[in-house]
């Protein structure tokens, strides 16, 4: 991964949001890279995207046919929610409906 967190986030989210032509294993790898990026960066870091934009990109992976990709997406969302504001964004976008299944 590149050094700048903003560049890394842009690349990973672009790949996660891509729907066609990607294997489940590759998609899961990008979601796991997103999770590592969140874990290794300081809380409250600026990734160049709002919480809402990040959640919308991750929401695509919750609909994936592969249960491993869906599990990785839920894990990524869990690490993303470090404060009440990001959790409120998730509730506003109604992602909770898709997680409980």
PDB file of N, CA and C in Angstrom:
ATOM      1  N   UNK A   1       0.849  -1.181   0.000  1.00  0.00           N
ATOM      2  CA  UNK A   1       0.000   0.000   0.000  1.00  0.00           C
ATOM      3  C   UNK A   1       0.891   1.238   0.000  1.00  0.00           C
ATOM      4  N   UNK A   2       0.352   2.307  -0.531  1.00  0.00           N
ATOM      5  CA  UNK A   2       1.092   3.558  -0.604  1.00  0.00           C
ATOM      6  C   UNK A   2       1.193   4.174   0.786  1.00  0.00           C
ATOM      7  N   UNK A   3       2.028   5.165   0.909  1.00  0.00           N
ATOM      8  CA  UNK A   3       2.288   5.746   2.225  1.00  0.00           C
ATOM      9  C   UNK A   3       1.164   6.658   2.730  1.00  0.00           C
ATOM     10  N   UNK A   4       0.567   7.460   1.853  1.00  0.00           N
ATOM     11  CA  UNK A   4      -0.442   8.429   2.273  1.00  0.00           C
ATOM     12  C   UNK A   4      -1.782   7.736   2.514  1.00  0.00           C
ATOM     13  N   UNK A   5      -2.358   7.872   3.725  1.00  0.00           N
ATOM     14  CA  UNK A   5      -3.644   7.217   4.011  1.00  0.00           C
ATOM     15  C   UNK A   5      -4.769   7.646   3.071  1.00  0.00           C
ATOM     16  N   UNK A   6      -4.759   8.892   2.619  1.00  0.00           N
ATOM     17  CA  UNK A   6      -5.804   9.360   1.704  1.00  0.00           C
ATOM     18  C   UNK A   6      -5.732   8.619   0.375  1.00  0.00           C
ATOM     19  N   UNK A   7      -4.521   8.448  -0.144  1.00  0.00           N
ATOM     20  CA  UNK A   7      -4.351   7.717  -1.400  1.00  0.00           C
ATOM     21  C   UNK A   7      -4.747   6.261  -1.243  1.00  0.00           C
ATOM     22  N   UNK A   8      -4.337   5.664  -0.122  1.00  0.00           N
ATOM     23  CA  UNK A   8      -4.696   4.269   0.152  1.00  0.00           C
ATOM     24  C   UNK A   8      -6.203   4.103   0.229  1.00  0.00           C
ATOM     25  N   UNK A   9      -6.858   5.013   0.939  1.00  0.00           N
ATOM     26  CA  UNK A   9      -8.302   4.928   1.101  1.00  0.00           C
ATOM     27  C   UNK A   9      -8.997   5.078  -0.245  1.00  0.00           C
ATOM     28  N   UNK A  10      -8.544   6.010  -1.054  1.00  0.00           N
ATOM     29  CA  UNK A  10      -9.154   6.223  -2.367  1.00  0.00           C
ATOM     30  C   UNK A  10      -9.034   4.962  -3.222  1.00  0.00           C
ATOM     31  N   UNK A  11      -7.854   4.358  -3.233  1.00  0.00           N
ATOM     32  CA  UNK A  11      -7.627   3.155  -4.028  1.00  0.00           C
ATOM     33  C   UNK A  11      -8.483   1.988  -3.533  1.00  0.00           C
ATOM     34  N   UNK A  12      -8.473   1.757  -2.225  1.00  0.00           N
ATOM     35  CA  UNK A  12      -9.202   0.616  -1.661  1.00  0.00           C
ATOM     36  C   UNK A  12     -10.703   0.778  -1.852  1.00  0.00           C
ATOM     37  N   UNK A  13     -11.237   1.967  -1.607  1.00  0.00           N
ATOM     38  CA  UNK A  13     -12.673   2.172  -1.776  1.00  0.00           C
ATOM     39  C   UNK A  13     -13.094   2.050  -3.236  1.00  0.00           C
ATOM     40  N   UNK A  14     -12.246   2.490  -4.146  1.00  0.00           N
ATOM     41  CA  UNK A  14     -12.554   2.345  -5.579  1.00  0.00           C
ATOM     42  C   UNK A  14     -12.655   0.872  -5.943  1.00  0.00           C
ATOM     43  N   UNK A  15     -11.737   0.075  -5.437  1.00  0.00           N
ATOM     44  CA  UNK A  15     -11.747  -1.355  -5.726  1.00  0.00           C
ATOM     45  C   UNK A  15     -12.919  -2.064  -5.045  1.00  0.00           C
ATOM     46  N   UNK A  16     -13.255  -1.654  -3.847  1.00  0.00           N
ATOM     47  CA  UNK A  16     -14.377  -2.257  -3.124  1.00  0.00           C
ATOM     48  C   UNK A  16     -15.692  -1.949  -3.843  1.00  0.00           C
ATOM     49  N   UNK A  17     -15.836  -0.728  -4.324  1.00  0.00           N
ATOM     50  CA  UNK A  17     -17.083  -0.313  -4.971  1.00  0.00           C
ATOM     51  C   UNK A  17     -17.242  -0.905  -6.368  1.00  0.00           C
ATOM     52  N   UNK A  18     -16.171  -1.441  -6.955  1.00  0.00           N
ATOM     53  CA  UNK A  18     -16.254  -2.073  -8.266  1.00  0.00           C
ATOM     54  C   UNK A  18     -17.042  -3.364  -8.137  1.00  0.00           C
ATOM     55  N   UNK A  19     -18.084  -3.505  -8.919  1.00  0.00           N
ATOM     56  CA  UNK A  19     -18.955  -4.679  -8.784  1.00  0.00           C
ATOM     57  C   UNK A  19     -18.587  -5.807  -9.722  1.00  0.00           C
ATOM     58  N   UNK A  20     -18.296  -5.503 -10.956  1.00  0.00           N
ATOM     59  CA  UNK A  20     -18.171  -6.555 -11.970  1.00  0.00           C
ATOM     60  C   UNK A  20     -16.734  -7.044 -12.112  1.00  0.00           C
ATOM     61  N   UNK A  21     -16.629  -8.332 -12.417  1.00  0.00           N
ATOM     62  CA  UNK A  21     -15.361  -8.906 -12.811  1.00  0.00           C
ATOM     63  C   UNK A  21     -14.327  -9.115 -11.724  1.00  0.00           C
ATOM     64  N   UNK A  22     -14.737  -9.219 -10.472  1.00  0.00           N
ATOM     65  CA  UNK A  22     -13.772  -9.431  -9.403  1.00  0.00           C
ATOM     66  C   UNK A  22     -14.170 -10.665  -8.607  1.00  0.00           C
ATOM     67  N   UNK A  23     -13.201 -11.512  -8.353  1.00  0.00           N
ATOM     68  CA  UNK A  23     -13.489 -12.729  -7.587  1.00  0.00           C
ATOM     69  C   UNK A  23     -13.773 -12.373  -6.129  1.00  0.00           C
ATOM     70  N   UNK A  24     -14.427 -13.295  -5.453  1.00  0.00           N
ATOM     71  CA  UNK A  24     -14.769 -13.081  -4.045  1.00  0.00           C
ATOM     72  C   UNK A  24     -13.503 -12.952  -3.200  1.00  0.00           C
ATOM     73  N   UNK A  25     -12.491 -13.745  -3.524  1.00  0.00           N
ATOM     74  CA  UNK A  25     -11.246 -13.690  -2.767  1.00  0.00           C
ATOM     75  C   UNK A  25     -10.548 -12.349  -2.891  1.00  0.00           C
ATOM     76  N   UNK A  26     -10.555 -11.807  -4.091  1.00  0.00           N
ATOM     77  CA  UNK A  26      -9.924 -10.508  -4.320  1.00  0.00           C
ATOM     78  C   UNK A  26     -10.706  -9.405  -3.612  1.00  0.00           C
ATOM     79  N   UNK A  27     -12.032  -9.477  -3.703  1.00  0.00           N
ATOM     80  CA  UNK A  27     -12.887  -8.485  -3.032  1.00  0.00           C
ATOM     81  C   UNK A  27     -12.659  -8.529  -1.525  1.00  0.00           C
ATOM     82  N   UNK A  28     -12.579  -9.745  -0.981  1.00  0.00           N
ATOM     83  CA  UNK A  28     -12.343  -9.900   0.455  1.00  0.00           C
ATOM     84  C   UNK A  28     -10.975  -9.327   0.833  1.00  0.00           C
ATOM     85  N   UNK A  29      -9.987  -9.499  -0.030  1.00  0.00           N
ATOM     86  CA  UNK A  29      -8.663  -8.934   0.220  1.00  0.00           C
ATOM     87  C   UNK A  29      -8.690  -7.421   0.327  1.00  0.00           C
ATOM     88  N   UNK A  30      -9.443  -6.782  -0.561  1.00  0.00           N
ATOM     89  CA  UNK A  30      -9.552  -5.325  -0.499  1.00  0.00           C
ATOM     90  C   UNK A  30     -10.286  -4.872   0.754  1.00  0.00           C
ATOM     91  N   UNK A  31     -11.321  -5.591   1.144  1.00  0.00           N
ATOM     92  CA  UNK A  31     -12.041  -5.235   2.379  1.00  0.00           C
ATOM     93  C   UNK A  31     -11.124  -5.419   3.585  1.00  0.00           C
ATOM     94  N   UNK A  32     -10.332  -6.484   3.590  1.00  0.00           N
ATOM     95  CA  UNK A  32      -9.385  -6.694   4.692  1.00  0.00           C
ATOM     96  C   UNK A  32      -8.305  -5.620   4.703  1.00  0.00           C
ATOM     97  N   UNK A  33      -7.864  -5.172   3.514  1.00  0.00           N
ATOM     98  CA  UNK A  33      -6.904  -4.064   3.454  1.00  0.00           C
ATOM     99  C   UNK A  33      -7.507  -2.785   4.017  1.00  0.00           C
ATOM    100  N   UNK A  34      -8.790  -2.570   3.745  1.00  0.00           N
ATOM    101  CA  UNK A  34      -9.480  -1.415   4.324  1.00  0.00           C
ATOM    102  C   UNK A  34      -9.444  -1.500   5.846  1.00  0.00           C
ATOM    103  N   UNK A  35      -9.733  -2.684   6.380  1.00  0.00           N
ATOM    104  CA  UNK A  35      -9.739  -2.871   7.831  1.00  0.00           C
ATOM    105  C   UNK A  35      -8.356  -2.610   8.415  1.00  0.00           C
ATOM    106  N   UNK A  36      -7.313  -3.099   7.765  1.00  0.00           N
ATOM    107  CA  UNK A  36      -5.940  -2.852   8.237  1.00  0.00           C
ATOM    108  C   UNK A  36      -5.610  -1.366   8.199  1.00  0.00           C
ATOM    109  N   UNK A  37      -6.066  -0.684   7.159  1.00  0.00           N
ATOM    110  CA  UNK A  37      -5.827   0.749   7.050  1.00  0.00           C
ATOM    111  C   UNK A  37      -6.492   1.499   8.201  1.00  0.00           C
ATOM    112  N   UNK A  38      -7.708   1.117   8.530  1.00  0.00           N
ATOM    113  CA  UNK A  38      -8.417   1.746   9.645  1.00  0.00           C
ATOM    114  C   UNK A  38      -7.691   1.471  10.965  1.00  0.00           C
ATOM    115  N   UNK A  39      -7.225   0.248  11.147  1.00  0.00           N
ATOM    116  CA  UNK A  39      -6.554  -0.137  12.389  1.00  0.00           C
ATOM    117  C   UNK A  39      -5.210   0.564  12.564  1.00  0.00           C
ATOM    118  N   UNK A  40      -4.485   0.768  11.478  1.00  0.00           N
ATOM    119  CA  UNK A  40      -3.133   1.312  11.598  1.00  0.00           C
ATOM    120  C   UNK A  40      -3.075   2.833  11.583  1.00  0.00           C
ATOM    121  N   UNK A  41      -4.190   3.481  11.312  1.00  0.00           N
ATOM    122  CA  UNK A  41      -4.196   4.943  11.298  1.00  0.00           C
ATOM    123  C   UNK A  41      -4.811   5.443  12.587  1.00  0.00           C
ATOM    124  N   UNK A  42      -4.386   6.610  12.991  1.00  0.00           N
ATOM    125  CA  UNK A  42      -4.865   7.190  14.240  1.00  0.00           C
ATOM    126  C   UNK A  42      -6.366   7.474  14.165  1.00  0.00           C
ATOM    127  N   UNK A  43      -7.024   7.341  15.307  1.00  0.00           N
ATOM    128  CA  UNK A  43      -8.457   7.626  15.383  1.00  0.00           C
ATOM    129  C   UNK A  43      -8.685   9.093  15.040  1.00  0.00           C
ATOM    130  N   UNK A  44      -9.659   9.340  14.195  1.00  0.00           N
ATOM    131  CA  UNK A  44      -9.977  10.707  13.791  1.00  0.00           C
ATOM    132  C   UNK A  44      -9.149  11.209  12.627  1.00  0.00           C
ATOM    133  N   UNK A  45      -8.365  10.328  12.002  1.00  0.00           N
ATOM    134  CA  UNK A  45      -7.556  10.733  10.849  1.00  0.00           C
ATOM    135  C   UNK A  45      -8.459  11.111   9.680  1.00  0.00           C
ATOM    136  N   UNK A  46      -7.952  12.008   8.851  1.00  0.00           N
ATOM    137  CA  UNK A  46      -8.692  12.424   7.671  1.00  0.00           C
ATOM    138  C   UNK A  46      -8.315  11.518   6.504  1.00  0.00           C
ATOM    139  N   UNK A  47      -9.299  10.793   5.986  1.00  0.00           N
ATOM    140  CA  UNK A  47      -9.063   9.892   4.865  1.00  0.00           C
ATOM    141  C   UNK A  47      -9.467  10.518   3.537  1.00  0.00           C
ATOM    142  N   UNK A  48      -9.954  11.744   3.573  1.00  0.00           N
ATOM    143  CA  UNK A  48     -10.380  12.394   2.346  1.00  0.00           C
ATOM    144  C   UNK A  48     -11.814  12.067   1.955  1.00  0.00           C
ATOM    145  N   UNK A  49     -12.492  11.269   2.775  1.00  0.00           N
ATOM    146  CA  UNK A  49     -13.885  10.894   2.532  1.00  0.00           C
ATOM    147  C   UNK A  49     -14.660  11.062   3.824  1.00  0.00           C
ATOM    148  N   UNK A  50     -15.932  11.390   3.690  1.00  0.00           N
ATOM    149  CA  UNK A  50     -16.783  11.464   4.881  1.00  0.00           C
ATOM    150  C   UNK A  50     -17.161  10.050   5.318  1.00  0.00           C
ATOM    151  N   UNK A  51     -17.623   9.921   6.532  1.00  0.00           N
ATOM    152  CA  UNK A  51     -18.077   8.613   7.027  1.00  0.00           C
ATOM    153  C   UNK A  51     -19.192   8.073   6.146  1.00  0.00           C
ATOM    154  N   UNK A  52     -20.058   8.947   5.695  1.00  0.00           N
ATOM    155  CA  UNK A  52     -21.181   8.542   4.849  1.00  0.00           C
ATOM    156  C   UNK A  52     -20.689   7.933   3.535  1.00  0.00           C
ATOM    157  N   UNK A  53     -19.708   8.565   2.908  1.00  0.00           N
ATOM    158  CA  UNK A  53     -19.171   8.049   1.643  1.00  0.00           C
ATOM    159  C   UNK A  53     -18.498   6.686   1.833  1.00  0.00           C
ATOM    160  N   UNK A  54     -17.786   6.539   2.935  1.00  0.00           N
ATOM    161  CA  UNK A  54     -17.113   5.264   3.213  1.00  0.00           C
ATOM    162  C   UNK A  54     -18.138   4.163   3.443  1.00  0.00           C
ATOM    163  N   UNK A  55     -19.180   4.460   4.203  1.00  0.00           N
ATOM    164  CA  UNK A  55     -20.213   3.460   4.492  1.00  0.00           C
ATOM    165  C   UNK A  55     -20.942   3.053   3.212  1.00  0.00           C
ATOM    166  N   UNK A  56     -21.208   4.009   2.341  1.00  0.00           N
ATOM    167  CA  UNK A  56     -21.877   3.696   1.075  1.00  0.00           C
ATOM    168  C   UNK A  56     -21.024   2.751   0.238  1.00  0.00           C
ATOM    169  N   UNK A  57     -19.727   2.978   0.202  1.00  0.00           N
ATOM    170  CA  UNK A  57     -18.838   2.076  -0.552  1.00  0.00           C
ATOM    171  C   UNK A  57     -18.796   0.688   0.080  1.00  0.00           C
ATOM    172  N   UNK A  58     -18.757   0.621   1.400  1.00  0.00           N
ATOM    173  CA  UNK A  58     -18.710  -0.681   2.075  1.00  0.00           C
ATOM    174  C   UNK A  58     -20.041  -1.420   1.991  1.00  0.00           C
ATOM    175  N   UNK A  59     -21.109  -0.678   1.840  1.00  0.00           N
ATOM    176  CA  UNK A  59     -22.437  -1.284   1.779  1.00  0.00           C
ATOM    177  C   UNK A  59     -22.561  -2.260   0.606  1.00  0.00           C
ATOM    178  N   UNK A  60     -21.843  -1.987  -0.461  1.00  0.00           N
ATOM    179  CA  UNK A  60     -21.864  -2.866  -1.635  1.00  0.00           C
ATOM    180  C   UNK A  60     -21.413  -4.277  -1.266  1.00  0.00           C
ATOM    181  N   UNK A  61     -20.442  -4.389  -0.387  1.00  0.00           N
ATOM    182  CA  UNK A  61     -19.900  -5.704  -0.025  1.00  0.00           C
ATOM    183  C   UNK A  61     -20.848  -6.507   0.856  1.00  0.00           C
ATOM    184  N   UNK A  62     -21.778  -5.855   1.509  1.00  0.00           N
ATOM    185  CA  UNK A  62     -22.741  -6.577   2.352  1.00  0.00           C
ATOM    186  C   UNK A  62     -23.696  -7.396   1.486  1.00  0.00           C
ATOM    187  N   UNK A  63     -23.867  -7.010   0.218  1.00  0.00           N
ATOM    188  CA  UNK A  63     -24.747  -7.734  -0.701  1.00  0.00           C
ATOM    189  C   UNK A  63     -24.038  -8.844  -1.462  1.00  0.00           C
ATOM    190  N   UNK A  64     -22.769  -9.042  -1.214  1.00  0.00           N
ATOM    191  CA  UNK A  64     -21.998 -10.032  -1.964  1.00  0.00           C
ATOM    192  C   UNK A  64     -22.514 -11.441  -1.691  1.00  0.00           C
ATOM    193  N   UNK A  65     -22.416 -12.316  -2.695  1.00  0.00           N
ATOM    194  CA  UNK A  65     -22.880 -13.702  -2.541  1.00  0.00           C
ATOM    195  C   UNK A  65     -22.027 -14.496  -1.565  1.00  0.00           C
ATOM    196  N   UNK A  66     -20.768 -14.154  -1.485  1.00  0.00           N
ATOM    197  CA  UNK A  66     -19.843 -14.893  -0.633  1.00  0.00           C
ATOM    198  C   UNK A  66     -20.013 -14.500   0.831  1.00  0.00           C
ATOM    199  N   UNK A  67     -20.219 -15.490   1.674  1.00  0.00           N
ATOM    200  CA  UNK A  67     -20.394 -15.188   3.101  1.00  0.00           C
ATOM    201  C   UNK A  67     -19.111 -14.647   3.719  1.00  0.00           C
ATOM    202  N   UNK A  68     -17.944 -15.029   3.166  1.00  0.00           N
ATOM    203  CA  UNK A  68     -16.672 -14.533   3.679  1.00  0.00           C
ATOM    204  C   UNK A  68     -16.520 -13.035   3.415  1.00  0.00           C
ATOM    205  N   UNK A  69     -16.974 -12.595   2.242  1.00  0.00           N
ATOM    206  CA  UNK A  69     -16.910 -11.171   1.908  1.00  0.00           C
ATOM    207  C   UNK A  69     -17.876 -10.395   2.796  1.00  0.00           C
ATOM    208  N   UNK A  70     -19.060 -10.926   2.999  1.00  0.00           N
ATOM    209  CA  UNK A  70     -20.029 -10.256   3.885  1.00  0.00           C
ATOM    210  C   UNK A  70     -19.483 -10.152   5.304  1.00  0.00           C
ATOM    211  N   UNK A  71     -18.840 -11.212   5.795  1.00  0.00           N
ATOM    212  CA  UNK A  71     -18.261 -11.191   7.142  1.00  0.00           C
ATOM    213  C   UNK A  71     -17.133 -10.163   7.228  1.00  0.00           C
ATOM    214  N   UNK A  72     -16.308 -10.080   6.184  1.00  0.00           N
ATOM    215  CA  UNK A  72     -15.232  -9.085   6.157  1.00  0.00           C
ATOM    216  C   UNK A  72     -15.805  -7.673   6.155  1.00  0.00           C
ATOM    217  N   UNK A  73     -16.927  -7.480   5.462  1.00  0.00           N
ATOM    218  CA  UNK A  73     -17.568  -6.160   5.417  1.00  0.00           C
ATOM    219  C   UNK A  73     -18.092  -5.756   6.789  1.00  0.00           C
ATOM    220  N   UNK A  74     -18.702  -6.684   7.489  1.00  0.00           N
ATOM    221  CA  UNK A  74     -19.211  -6.385   8.836  1.00  0.00           C
ATOM    222  C   UNK A  74     -18.049  -6.072   9.776  1.00  0.00           C
ATOM    223  N   UNK A  75     -16.963  -6.825   9.644  1.00  0.00           N
ATOM    224  CA  UNK A  75     -15.768  -6.568  10.462  1.00  0.00           C
ATOM    225  C   UNK A  75     -15.205  -5.177  10.160  1.00  0.00           C
ATOM    226  N   UNK A  76     -15.173  -4.799   8.885  1.00  0.00           N
ATOM    227  CA  UNK A  76     -14.673  -3.477   8.491  1.00  0.00           C
ATOM    228  C   UNK A  76     -15.552  -2.372   9.076  1.00  0.00           C
ATOM    229  N   UNK A  77     -16.858  -2.573   9.014  1.00  0.00           N
ATOM    230  CA  UNK A  77     -17.764  -1.574   9.601  1.00  0.00           C
ATOM    231  C   UNK A  77     -17.559  -1.459  11.107  1.00  0.00           C
ATOM    232  N   UNK A  78     -17.334  -2.577  11.755  1.00  0.00           N
ATOM    233  CA  UNK A  78     -17.108  -2.565  13.203  1.00  0.00           C
ATOM    234  C   UNK A  78     -15.882  -1.725  13.555  1.00  0.00           C
ATOM    235  N   UNK A  79     -14.809  -1.860  12.794  1.00  0.00           N
ATOM    236  CA  UNK A  79     -13.610  -1.071  13.055  1.00  0.00           C
ATOM    237  C   UNK A  79     -13.781   0.387  12.669  1.00  0.00           C
ATOM    238  N   UNK A  80     -14.666   0.659  11.736  1.00  0.00           N
ATOM    239  CA  UNK A  80     -14.911   2.031  11.304  1.00  0.00           C
ATOM    240  C   UNK A  80     -15.639   2.835  12.373  1.00  0.00           C
ATOM    241  N   UNK A  81     -16.490   2.187  13.136  1.00  0.00           N
ATOM    242  CA  UNK A  81     -17.314   2.887  14.117  1.00  0.00           C
ATOM    243  C   UNK A  81     -16.547   3.092  15.418  1.00  0.00           C
ATOM    244  N   UNK A  82     -15.849   4.206  15.492  1.00  0.00           N
ATOM    245  CA  UNK A  82     -15.084   4.515  16.695  1.00  0.00           C
ATOM    246  C   UNK A  82     -15.777   5.553  17.563  1.00  0.00           C
ATOM    247  N   UNK A  83     -16.799   6.187  17.026  1.00  0.00           N
ATOM    248  CA  UNK A  83     -17.514   7.202  17.789  1.00  0.00           C
ATOM    249  C   UNK A  83     -19.010   7.150  17.468  1.00  0.00           C
ATOM    250  N   UNK A  84     -19.760   7.914  18.208  1.00  0.00           N
ATOM    251  CA  UNK A  84     -21.211   7.920  18.039  1.00  0.00           C
ATOM    252  C   UNK A  84     -21.629   8.507  16.696  1.00  0.00           C
ATOM    253  N   UNK A  85     -20.851   9.455  16.175  1.00  0.00           N
ATOM    254  CA  UNK A  85     -21.171  10.089  14.906  1.00  0.00           C
ATOM    255  C   UNK A  85     -21.160   9.085  13.750  1.00  0.00           C
ATOM    256  N   UNK A  86     -20.127   8.251  13.683  1.00  0.00           N
ATOM    257  CA  UNK A  86     -20.054   7.280  12.587  1.00  0.00           C
ATOM    258  C   UNK A  86     -21.148   6.223  12.718  1.00  0.00           C
ATOM    259  N   UNK A  87     -21.494   5.868  13.944  1.00  0.00           N
ATOM    260  CA  UNK A  87     -22.586   4.920  14.147  1.00  0.00           C
ATOM    261  C   UNK A  87     -23.917   5.535  13.725  1.00  0.00           C
ATOM    262  N   UNK A  88     -24.104   6.806  14.005  1.00  0.00           N
ATOM    263  CA  UNK A  88     -25.325   7.505  13.585  1.00  0.00           C
ATOM    264  C   UNK A  88     -25.437   7.553  12.068  1.00  0.00           C
ATOM    265  N   UNK A  89     -24.294   7.716  11.390  1.00  0.00           N
ATOM    266  CA  UNK A  89     -24.293   7.700   9.925  1.00  0.00           C
ATOM    267  C   UNK A  89     -24.784   6.354   9.408  1.00  0.00           C
ATOM    268  N   UNK A  90     -24.334   5.277  10.030  1.00  0.00           N
ATOM    269  CA  UNK A  90     -24.766   3.948   9.611  1.00  0.00           C
ATOM    270  C   UNK A  90     -26.277   3.794   9.796  1.00  0.00           C
ATOM    271  N   UNK A  91     -26.781   4.247  10.906  1.00  0.00           N
ATOM    272  CA  UNK A  91     -28.209   4.133  11.157  1.00  0.00           C
ATOM    273  C   UNK A  91     -29.007   4.994  10.173  1.00  0.00           C
ATOM    274  N   UNK A  92     -28.476   6.159   9.822  1.00  0.00           N
ATOM    275  CA  UNK A  92     -29.147   7.034   8.867  1.00  0.00           C
ATOM    276  C   UNK A  92     -29.219   6.377   7.483  1.00  0.00           C
ATOM    277  N   UNK A  93     -28.174   5.645   7.113  1.00  0.00           N
ATOM    278  CA  UNK A  93     -28.137   4.982   5.818  1.00  0.00           C
ATOM    279  C   UNK A  93     -28.802   3.605   5.840  1.00  0.00           C
ATOM    280  N   UNK A  94     -29.309   3.203   6.989  1.00  0.00           N
ATOM    281  CA  UNK A  94     -30.054   1.950   7.187  1.00  0.00           C
ATOM    282  C   UNK A  94     -29.229   0.702   6.827  1.00  0.00           C
ATOM    283  N   UNK A  95     -27.956   0.733   7.150  1.00  0.00           N
ATOM    284  CA  UNK A  95     -27.101  -0.435   6.906  1.00  0.00           C
ATOM    285  C   UNK A  95     -27.431  -1.541   7.897  1.00  0.00           C
ATOM    286  N   UNK A  96     -27.952  -1.181   9.041  1.00  0.00           N
ATOM    287  CA  UNK A  96     -28.282  -2.182  10.063  1.00  0.00           C
ATOM    288  C   UNK A  96     -29.260  -3.232   9.564  1.00  0.00           C
ATOM    289  N   UNK A  97     -30.136  -2.875   8.648  1.00  0.00           N
ATOM    290  CA  UNK A  97     -31.110  -3.817   8.094  1.00  0.00           C
ATOM    291  C   UNK A  97     -30.405  -4.957   7.373  1.00  0.00           C
ATOM    292  N   UNK A  98     -29.324  -4.645   6.680  1.00  0.00           N
ATOM    293  CA  UNK A  98     -28.622  -5.643   5.881  1.00  0.00           C
ATOM    294  C   UNK A  98     -27.659  -6.482   6.699  1.00  0.00           C
ATOM    295  N   UNK A  99     -27.239  -5.974   7.840  1.00  0.00           N
ATOM    296  CA  UNK A  99     -26.301  -6.729   8.675  1.00  0.00           C
ATOM    297  C   UNK A  99     -27.025  -7.851   9.423  1.00  0.00           C
ATOM    298  N   UNK A 100     -28.206  -7.575   9.918  1.00  0.00           N
ATOM    299  CA  UNK A 100     -28.974  -8.576  10.658  1.00  0.00           C
ATOM    300  C   UNK A 100     -29.739  -9.414   9.641  1.00  0.00           C
ATOM    301  N   UNK A 101     -29.214 -10.593   9.407  1.00  0.00           N
ATOM    302  CA  UNK A 101     -29.836 -11.431   8.400  1.00  0.00           C
ATOM    303  C   UNK A 101     -29.588 -12.875   8.728  1.00  0.00           C
TER     304      UNK A 101
END
